Protein backbone atom coordinates (compact mmCIF):
# COMPACT_ATOMS: atom_id res chain seq x y z
CA MET A 1 94.74 -72.33 129.17
CA ARG A 2 94.45 -68.95 127.84
CA TYR A 3 91.86 -66.85 128.91
CA GLY A 4 89.85 -63.83 127.83
CA ILE A 5 87.65 -62.71 125.05
CA SER A 6 88.43 -65.42 122.86
CA GLN A 7 84.67 -66.23 122.05
CA ARG A 8 84.40 -62.82 120.86
CA PHE A 9 87.24 -62.76 118.83
CA PRO A 10 87.68 -66.70 117.96
CA THR A 11 90.56 -65.92 114.68
CA LEU A 12 92.08 -63.08 113.49
CA LYS A 13 89.46 -63.12 110.41
CA GLY A 14 86.47 -62.74 112.87
CA ARG A 15 88.49 -60.34 115.13
CA LEU A 16 89.31 -57.98 111.69
CA ALA A 17 85.47 -58.29 111.03
CA ALA A 18 84.89 -57.44 114.68
CA LEU A 19 87.03 -54.51 114.39
CA GLY A 20 85.17 -53.43 111.11
CA GLY A 21 87.26 -54.96 107.79
CA ALA A 22 86.09 -51.60 106.05
CA VAL A 23 88.37 -49.60 108.29
CA LEU A 24 91.37 -51.28 106.40
CA LEU A 25 90.14 -50.29 103.25
CA ALA A 26 91.28 -46.77 101.60
CA GLY A 27 88.99 -43.90 101.37
CA LEU A 28 87.24 -45.60 104.82
CA THR A 29 85.41 -43.41 106.96
CA LEU A 30 86.63 -42.89 110.53
CA ALA A 31 85.67 -44.25 113.97
CA PRO A 32 84.05 -41.67 116.27
CA GLY A 33 86.63 -39.04 117.39
CA ALA A 34 89.29 -40.60 115.47
CA GLY A 35 89.32 -37.41 113.07
CA ALA A 36 90.51 -35.21 116.03
CA GLN A 37 94.32 -35.99 114.92
CA THR A 38 95.32 -34.81 111.35
CA LEU A 39 97.99 -35.23 109.24
CA ALA A 40 98.51 -31.70 109.68
CA SER A 41 99.27 -32.23 113.31
CA LEU A 42 102.86 -33.47 112.26
CA PRO A 43 105.80 -31.56 112.12
CA THR A 44 106.83 -29.74 109.25
CA VAL A 45 110.21 -31.10 109.50
CA PRO A 46 110.12 -34.73 109.50
CA SER A 47 112.67 -36.24 112.00
CA THR A 48 113.94 -40.09 111.66
CA ILE A 49 115.72 -42.12 114.00
CA THR A 50 119.21 -43.29 113.00
CA ALA A 51 119.73 -47.07 112.51
CA GLY A 52 122.94 -48.48 113.83
CA ALA A 53 124.88 -51.81 114.18
CA PRO A 54 123.01 -55.18 114.64
CA ALA A 55 121.69 -55.93 117.67
CA ARG A 56 120.59 -58.58 119.58
CA ALA A 57 116.69 -59.59 118.93
CA ILE A 58 114.60 -60.17 121.93
CA ALA A 59 114.55 -63.99 122.56
CA ALA A 60 110.70 -63.43 122.65
CA TRP A 61 110.75 -62.47 119.31
CA VAL A 62 112.77 -65.44 118.03
CA ASP A 63 110.29 -67.47 119.50
CA PHE A 64 107.54 -65.44 117.47
CA CYS A 65 109.34 -65.80 114.50
CA GLN A 66 109.04 -69.66 114.73
CA SER A 67 105.88 -69.90 114.85
CA TYR A 68 104.92 -66.67 112.79
CA ALA A 69 107.71 -66.77 109.71
CA ALA A 70 105.50 -64.64 107.39
CA GLU A 71 105.21 -61.84 110.49
CA CYS A 72 108.98 -61.45 110.47
CA ALA A 73 109.96 -61.95 106.88
CA VAL A 74 111.52 -58.85 105.02
CA ASP A 75 110.74 -58.09 101.48
CA THR A 76 113.30 -55.86 100.61
CA ALA A 77 111.34 -55.30 97.11
CA GLU A 78 108.73 -53.29 99.39
CA PRO A 79 108.94 -49.68 99.65
CA ALA A 80 111.16 -49.01 102.99
CA GLN A 81 108.71 -45.40 103.33
CA ILE A 82 105.07 -45.13 103.76
CA THR A 83 103.92 -41.99 101.85
CA LEU A 84 101.43 -40.37 104.26
CA THR A 85 98.09 -39.45 102.16
CA PRO A 86 94.96 -38.48 104.01
CA ALA A 87 93.54 -41.67 103.46
CA THR A 88 96.46 -43.65 104.86
CA TRP A 89 96.67 -41.35 107.88
CA ASN A 90 92.91 -42.42 108.63
CA THR A 91 93.60 -45.87 108.21
CA ILE A 92 96.72 -45.67 110.66
CA VAL A 93 94.93 -43.82 113.13
CA SER A 94 91.58 -45.97 113.17
CA VAL A 95 93.71 -49.14 113.58
CA ASN A 96 95.47 -48.03 116.29
CA ARG A 97 92.38 -46.80 118.17
CA ARG A 98 90.26 -49.62 117.38
CA VAL A 99 93.11 -52.65 118.76
CA ASN A 100 93.75 -50.51 121.59
CA LYS A 101 90.21 -50.45 122.56
CA SER A 102 89.33 -54.25 121.52
CA LEU A 103 92.04 -56.11 123.43
CA ARG A 104 92.53 -56.78 127.00
CA ALA A 105 95.77 -55.20 128.36
CA VAL A 106 97.43 -57.95 130.59
CA THR A 107 101.06 -58.73 131.30
CA ASP A 108 102.46 -62.41 130.21
CA MET A 109 103.05 -63.42 133.88
CA GLU A 110 99.37 -62.66 134.67
CA HIS A 111 98.22 -63.96 131.21
CA LEU A 112 100.27 -66.91 130.66
CA ASN A 113 102.49 -67.38 133.40
CA VAL A 114 105.69 -66.84 131.42
CA ALA A 115 108.10 -63.82 131.52
CA ASP A 116 107.78 -62.28 127.93
CA ARG A 117 105.80 -64.09 124.96
CA TRP A 118 104.91 -62.25 121.80
CA ASP A 119 102.04 -63.25 119.54
CA LEU A 120 99.10 -61.86 117.94
CA ALA A 121 96.36 -61.77 120.92
CA GLU A 122 94.75 -64.92 119.42
CA ASP A 123 92.35 -64.39 122.46
CA GLY A 124 91.62 -60.94 122.78
CA SER A 125 94.12 -60.54 125.57
CA GLY A 126 97.82 -59.27 125.66
CA ASP A 127 100.53 -56.84 126.39
CA CYS A 128 102.60 -54.23 124.63
CA GLU A 129 103.90 -56.15 121.77
CA ASP A 130 100.86 -58.28 120.94
CA PHE A 131 99.16 -54.92 120.56
CA GLN A 132 101.61 -53.69 117.90
CA LEU A 133 101.89 -56.90 116.10
CA LEU A 134 98.29 -56.96 115.72
CA LYS A 135 98.08 -53.54 114.49
CA ARG A 136 100.81 -54.29 111.92
CA LYS A 137 98.91 -57.21 110.29
CA PHE A 138 95.90 -55.41 110.19
CA LEU A 139 98.12 -52.16 108.39
CA ALA A 140 99.75 -54.49 106.06
CA GLU A 141 96.52 -55.90 104.89
CA ALA A 142 95.22 -52.63 104.23
CA GLY A 143 98.01 -52.40 101.67
CA LEU A 144 100.75 -50.60 103.84
CA PRO A 145 104.43 -52.16 103.41
CA ARG A 146 105.39 -54.40 106.34
CA ARG A 147 109.13 -53.26 105.69
CA ALA A 148 108.28 -49.60 106.73
CA MET A 149 106.65 -50.71 109.83
CA ARG A 150 109.34 -51.73 112.74
CA MET A 151 108.33 -53.72 116.29
CA THR A 152 110.73 -51.38 118.61
CA VAL A 153 112.05 -52.03 121.70
CA VAL A 154 112.25 -48.60 124.10
CA ILE A 155 112.81 -47.74 127.74
CA ASP A 156 109.21 -46.43 128.86
CA GLU A 157 108.07 -43.25 131.26
CA LYS A 158 108.75 -46.30 134.11
CA GLY A 159 112.42 -47.00 133.27
CA GLU A 160 110.83 -50.76 131.76
CA GLY A 161 111.02 -52.36 128.59
CA HIS A 162 108.17 -51.34 126.11
CA ALA A 163 107.30 -52.25 122.62
CA VAL A 164 106.06 -50.13 120.61
CA LEU A 165 105.35 -49.84 116.25
CA THR A 166 107.20 -47.29 114.61
CA LEU A 167 106.04 -46.40 110.95
CA ILE A 168 108.78 -45.06 108.84
CA THR A 169 106.98 -42.26 106.88
CA ASP A 170 107.81 -39.26 104.20
CA ARG A 171 106.81 -37.46 107.34
CA GLY A 172 109.32 -38.70 109.80
CA ASP A 173 109.10 -41.88 112.24
CA ILE A 174 106.15 -42.11 113.79
CA VAL A 175 104.89 -44.24 116.76
CA LEU A 176 101.97 -46.63 117.82
CA ASP A 177 101.49 -47.25 121.06
CA ASN A 178 98.72 -49.36 123.47
CA LYS A 179 99.06 -46.63 126.38
CA THR A 180 97.81 -43.71 124.03
CA SER A 181 95.41 -43.87 120.83
CA ALA A 182 97.77 -40.69 119.70
CA VAL A 183 99.70 -41.60 116.83
CA LEU A 184 102.81 -39.48 117.91
CA PRO A 185 106.23 -38.43 115.84
CA TRP A 186 109.05 -40.53 117.73
CA ARG A 187 110.68 -37.28 119.60
CA GLN A 188 107.26 -36.52 121.35
CA THR A 189 106.78 -40.02 123.06
CA GLY A 190 109.37 -39.16 125.82
CA TYR A 191 110.62 -43.22 125.41
CA THR A 192 114.28 -44.12 125.16
CA PHE A 193 114.23 -45.66 121.72
CA ILE A 194 116.87 -48.73 122.00
CA LYS A 195 116.79 -51.07 118.95
CA ARG A 196 114.04 -52.23 116.29
CA GLU A 197 113.86 -54.66 113.62
CA SER A 198 116.05 -54.34 110.43
CA GLN A 199 114.68 -52.77 107.26
CA SER A 200 117.06 -55.37 105.28
CA THR A 201 117.17 -58.70 107.01
CA VAL A 202 115.41 -60.65 109.66
CA GLY A 203 117.06 -59.48 112.80
CA TRP A 204 117.35 -56.35 114.51
CA VAL A 205 119.45 -52.88 114.61
CA SER A 206 120.03 -50.48 117.53
CA LEU A 207 119.27 -46.99 117.89
CA GLY A 208 121.41 -45.92 120.83
CA ARG A 209 123.69 -46.46 123.66
CA ALA A 210 121.36 -47.32 126.29
CA THR A 211 121.49 -50.97 127.77
CA SER A 212 118.38 -53.05 126.35
CA PRO A 213 116.20 -54.38 128.13
CA VAL A 214 115.56 -58.30 128.24
CA THR A 215 111.88 -58.45 127.75
CA THR A 216 109.23 -55.75 126.95
CA ALA A 217 106.81 -57.81 129.40
CA ASN A 218 104.53 -54.50 130.52
CA ARG A 219 101.14 -53.72 129.46
């Protein structure tokens, strides 16, 4: 049985309200301190990650897609890129901060006694991919194109598999992470990028030659 703060966040709708649903609307007011990171802080020359050949999906992602098909669907009619306006940037920064503060970080083994499971942190607890999946859900509900927000597998500073959310924008690829509330250009994360969800089909594409981790099971 899962544990955590399910009584505080019994449903996605309830957690959205608890996070402050108004934050997901255009022209929102940022949480205190969120305005410290501005759109102008991004590099003036956009940098994007080159997607390569199809790659094998993380096994836990395959299971996730069976339970949450809408979260994995790819609509090629959606924009493949997010146009960053001040309002859109504020939404991204606020959602990243609020989800990072609201969820309890715990590994799947500690939480569920399984090596790796992807979900939407329905009980208020989860590890890296659960944070990012919930952020994407909220951002999509705010009107950002899901196709331009891709779950991504990296090797982190500990040499472990880790999941982040890559936003493909007109200012370059930026990364949402539960290890920091700073929204960073991908080159500034210090991570080795392995693969991410495809923008054209339900599947994954390679981002480099490094060996892929089997799981993304750290906090």
